[in-house]
Amino acid sequence: MARNIVTKEILDVGLIPVIRASSSAEAIAIAKAIEAGGVSIVEVTMTVPRALHVIEKITDYFGDKVLVGAGTVLDSETTRSAMLSGAEFIVSPVLKRSVIEICKRYSKTVIPGAMTPTEVLTAWEAGADLVKIFPCDSLGGAKYLKALKGPLPQVLLIPTGGVKLELVGNFISAGASALGVGSELVNKEAVASQNFEHISSTARKFLQAIHSARQ
């Protein structure tokens, strides 16, 4: 899929659900629940057992219906492996130029992580399509995001870490281009009890909140 189309899909949907799981089967079940909730994007972290296999399975199952990305990517070798497994976008918790470079080489959307204004601008100038602000809650949440957008209005930011449903409006108002959401959507208790409808329901609520906040 073309990089500009992938980036536009992320911006249009406004939500990247982050999947962390204890097994590949669990991760695939979570992805199905997220898609059932109306979200056409999932990020599978490299901390999931057999993560590359999971990316392949989800991609095979959904085809073009779901945009699959790889998260917690720390090096260029993992980046390339994730691409070959079907990942259409790459997310990292850190700013690693080699990861950005290989994504640009193969025309894949890349979302590096940053904390400070210097890191944000460095990532953007290096070719990031969007920049992940992580861990956003520890840095001040929506207030910190708004402070970053002041001098850097051109940078597309995705806050991740502590993005709760009731705070969606605050983050969108602060200038978030999309939201990265993990445990607030993929609830551990729901996963443990296999209550995947809860995950689907929460996904729908996040989408509704984003839509309302953007109006």
Protein backbone atom coordinates (compact mmCIF):
# COMPACT_ATOMS: atom_id res chain seq x y z
CA MET A 1 0.00 0.00 0.00
CA ALA A 2 1.32 3.47 -0.88
CA ARG A 3 2.84 5.42 1.99
CA ASN A 4 0.67 8.49 1.46
CA ILE A 5 -2.47 6.33 1.55
CA VAL A 6 -1.37 4.66 4.79
CA THR A 7 -0.60 8.00 6.43
CA LYS A 8 -3.94 9.43 5.31
CA GLU A 9 -5.79 6.42 6.72
CA ILE A 10 -4.14 6.92 10.11
CA LEU A 11 -5.03 10.61 10.09
CA ASP A 12 -8.60 9.97 8.94
CA VAL A 13 -9.32 7.27 11.53
CA GLY A 14 -7.42 9.14 14.23
CA LEU A 15 -6.77 6.06 16.36
CA ILE A 16 -3.98 3.49 16.54
CA PRO A 17 -4.90 0.66 18.94
CA VAL A 18 -1.73 -0.85 20.40
CA ILE A 19 -1.84 -4.61 20.87
CA ARG A 20 0.29 -6.17 23.60
CA ALA A 21 -0.51 -9.78 24.40
CA SER A 22 0.90 -12.88 26.07
CA SER A 23 0.45 -15.10 23.01
CA SER A 24 -0.01 -14.87 19.27
CA ALA A 25 -3.50 -16.40 19.51
CA GLU A 26 -4.49 -13.76 22.04
CA ALA A 27 -3.14 -10.96 19.85
CA ILE A 28 -5.10 -12.18 16.84
CA ALA A 29 -8.31 -12.39 18.91
CA ILE A 30 -7.75 -8.81 20.10
CA ALA A 31 -7.24 -7.61 16.52
CA LYS A 32 -10.54 -9.23 15.51
CA ALA A 33 -12.31 -7.50 18.41
CA ILE A 34 -10.85 -4.12 17.46
CA GLU A 35 -11.95 -4.54 13.84
CA ALA A 36 -15.41 -5.57 15.02
CA GLY A 37 -15.52 -2.26 16.88
CA GLY A 38 -15.08 -0.38 13.62
CA VAL A 39 -11.37 0.42 13.81
CA SER A 40 -9.45 -0.45 10.65
CA ILE A 41 -5.97 -0.02 12.16
CA VAL A 42 -3.93 -2.10 14.62
CA GLU A 43 -0.36 -1.91 15.87
CA VAL A 44 1.25 -5.17 16.95
CA THR A 45 4.18 -4.58 19.28
CA MET A 46 7.38 -6.55 18.89
CA THR A 47 7.00 -7.59 22.53
CA VAL A 48 4.18 -9.96 21.52
CA PRO A 49 5.43 -13.56 21.26
CA ARG A 50 6.04 -14.41 17.58
CA ALA A 51 5.05 -10.86 16.66
CA LEU A 52 6.06 -11.22 13.02
CA HIS A 53 3.89 -14.32 12.74
CA VAL A 54 1.00 -12.39 14.28
CA ILE A 55 1.40 -9.58 11.73
CA GLU A 56 1.35 -12.15 8.93
CA LYS A 57 -1.75 -13.87 10.32
CA ILE A 58 -3.69 -10.63 10.82
CA THR A 59 -2.72 -9.41 7.36
CA ASP A 60 -3.77 -12.70 5.77
CA TYR A 61 -7.06 -12.76 7.68
CA PHE A 62 -8.20 -9.19 7.02
CA GLY A 63 -6.46 -8.35 3.76
CA ASP A 64 -6.97 -4.68 2.91
CA LYS A 65 -9.73 -4.28 5.51
CA VAL A 66 -7.26 -3.61 8.32
CA LEU A 67 -4.07 -1.57 8.24
CA VAL A 68 -1.45 -3.48 10.25
CA GLY A 69 1.62 -1.84 11.74
CA ALA A 70 4.56 -2.96 13.85
CA GLY A 71 5.28 -1.24 17.15
CA THR A 72 8.12 -1.12 19.66
CA VAL A 73 10.55 -1.35 16.75
CA LEU A 74 14.08 -0.50 17.88
CA ASP A 75 16.36 -1.22 14.93
CA SER A 76 16.53 -1.40 11.15
CA GLU A 77 16.74 -5.21 11.08
CA THR A 78 13.41 -5.56 12.89
CA THR A 79 11.96 -2.83 10.68
CA ARG A 80 12.76 -4.74 7.49
CA SER A 81 11.49 -8.04 8.92
CA ALA A 82 8.22 -6.38 9.95
CA MET A 83 7.78 -4.95 6.46
CA LEU A 84 8.33 -8.37 4.88
CA SER A 85 5.74 -9.80 7.28
CA GLY A 86 3.15 -7.31 6.05
CA ALA A 87 3.49 -4.24 8.28
CA GLU A 88 2.41 -1.10 6.44
CA PHE A 89 3.64 1.30 9.10
CA ILE A 90 6.40 1.26 11.71
CA VAL A 91 6.18 2.74 15.20
CA SER A 92 9.07 3.17 17.62
CA PRO A 93 9.17 4.43 21.22
CA VAL A 94 12.49 6.13 20.41
CA LEU A 95 14.10 8.28 17.75
CA LYS A 96 16.33 6.01 15.69
CA ARG A 97 17.52 7.48 12.40
CA SER A 98 18.27 4.05 10.90
CA VAL A 99 14.61 3.05 11.37
CA ILE A 100 13.41 6.23 9.64
CA GLU A 101 15.91 5.76 6.81
CA ILE A 102 14.87 2.20 5.96
CA CYS A 103 11.19 3.18 6.04
CA LYS A 104 11.87 6.02 3.62
CA ARG A 105 13.88 3.67 1.41
CA TYR A 106 10.95 1.29 1.06
CA SER A 107 8.26 3.99 1.18
CA LYS A 108 6.62 2.91 4.44
CA THR A 109 4.97 5.22 6.95
CA VAL A 110 7.21 5.73 9.98
CA ILE A 111 6.24 7.08 13.40
CA PRO A 112 9.28 7.49 15.68
CA GLY A 113 8.97 8.34 19.36
CA ALA A 114 10.10 11.61 20.90
CA MET A 115 9.86 13.52 24.17
CA THR A 116 11.56 16.90 23.86
CA PRO A 117 11.04 19.67 21.26
CA THR A 118 14.53 18.94 19.93
CA GLU A 119 13.72 15.25 19.45
CA VAL A 120 10.39 16.08 17.81
CA LEU A 121 11.97 18.45 15.29
CA THR A 122 14.88 16.08 14.66
CA ALA A 123 12.45 13.25 13.89
CA TRP A 124 10.39 15.47 11.59
CA GLU A 125 13.42 16.76 9.68
CA ALA A 126 14.71 13.18 9.34
CA GLY A 127 11.53 12.26 7.45
CA ALA A 128 9.00 11.06 10.03
CA ASP A 129 5.43 10.98 8.72
CA LEU A 130 4.09 11.51 12.23
CA VAL A 131 5.83 11.78 15.59
CA LYS A 132 4.77 9.75 18.62
CA ILE A 133 4.92 11.69 21.90
CA PHE A 134 5.78 9.08 24.50
CA PRO A 135 5.22 8.67 27.40
CA CYS A 136 2.75 11.53 27.03
CA ASP A 137 1.00 11.20 30.40
CA SER A 138 4.30 11.36 32.28
CA LEU A 139 5.21 14.53 30.41
CA GLY A 140 2.01 16.41 31.22
CA GLY A 141 -0.59 14.94 28.88
CA ALA A 142 -2.63 17.26 26.69
CA LYS A 143 -1.04 20.36 28.22
CA TYR A 144 2.40 19.19 27.14
CA LEU A 145 1.14 18.35 23.65
CA LYS A 146 -0.35 21.83 23.31
CA ALA A 147 2.93 23.37 24.45
CA LEU A 148 4.80 21.42 21.75
CA LYS A 149 2.35 22.44 19.02
CA GLY A 150 2.94 26.13 19.81
CA PRO A 151 6.43 26.38 18.26
CA LEU A 152 6.01 23.27 16.07
CA PRO A 153 2.55 23.58 14.44
CA GLN A 154 3.71 21.81 11.27
CA VAL A 155 4.54 18.53 13.03
CA LEU A 156 1.84 15.84 13.13
CA LEU A 157 1.81 14.47 16.68
CA ILE A 158 0.39 11.25 18.13
CA PRO A 159 0.23 11.21 21.94
CA THR A 160 0.66 7.72 23.40
CA GLY A 161 0.64 6.66 27.03
CA GLY A 162 -2.25 7.54 29.35
CA VAL A 163 -4.69 8.47 26.59
CA LYS A 164 -7.98 7.73 28.33
CA LEU A 165 -11.43 7.86 26.79
CA GLU A 166 -12.48 10.86 28.88
CA LEU A 167 -9.38 12.77 27.76
CA VAL A 168 -9.86 12.33 24.01
CA GLY A 169 -11.38 15.79 23.61
CA ASN A 170 -8.49 17.41 25.47
CA PHE A 171 -5.88 15.75 23.26
CA ILE A 172 -7.68 16.60 20.01
CA SER A 173 -8.12 20.20 21.14
CA ALA A 174 -4.43 20.32 22.05
CA GLY A 175 -3.51 19.46 18.46
CA ALA A 176 -3.23 15.67 18.31
CA SER A 177 -3.40 14.39 14.74
CA ALA A 178 -4.26 10.89 15.99
CA LEU A 179 -4.16 8.96 19.25
CA GLY A 180 -2.12 5.91 20.25
CA VAL A 181 -4.13 3.87 22.76
CA GLY A 182 -3.02 0.69 24.51
CA SER A 183 -4.37 -0.65 27.80
CA GLU A 184 -7.20 1.90 27.90
CA LEU A 185 -8.69 0.09 24.90
CA VAL A 186 -7.18 -3.39 25.17
CA ASN A 187 -8.24 -3.96 28.76
CA LYS A 188 -6.20 -6.68 30.48
CA GLU A 189 -9.14 -7.96 32.51
CA ALA A 190 -11.32 -8.20 29.41
CA VAL A 191 -8.60 -10.11 27.58
CA ALA A 192 -8.05 -12.46 30.52
CA SER A 193 -11.76 -13.27 30.70
CA GLN A 194 -12.04 -13.39 26.89
CA ASN A 195 -14.63 -10.61 27.00
CA PHE A 196 -13.70 -9.36 23.56
CA GLU A 197 -17.02 -7.56 23.12
CA HIS A 198 -15.81 -5.13 25.79
CA ILE A 199 -12.83 -4.30 23.58
CA SER A 200 -15.10 -3.84 20.55
CA SER A 201 -17.40 -1.57 22.55
CA THR A 202 -14.48 0.52 23.83
CA ALA A 203 -13.12 0.85 20.29
CA ARG A 204 -16.45 2.23 19.14
CA LYS A 205 -16.49 4.72 22.02
CA PHE A 206 -13.01 5.97 21.15
CA LEU A 207 -14.02 6.47 17.52
CA GLN A 208 -17.14 8.35 18.56
CA ALA A 209 -15.18 10.55 20.95
CA ILE A 210 -12.62 11.40 18.27
CA HIS A 211 -15.35 12.20 15.75
CA SER A 212 -17.15 14.45 18.22
CA ALA A 213 -13.97 16.25 19.26
CA ARG A 214 -13.07 16.97 15.64
CA GLN A 215 -16.42 18.61 14.86
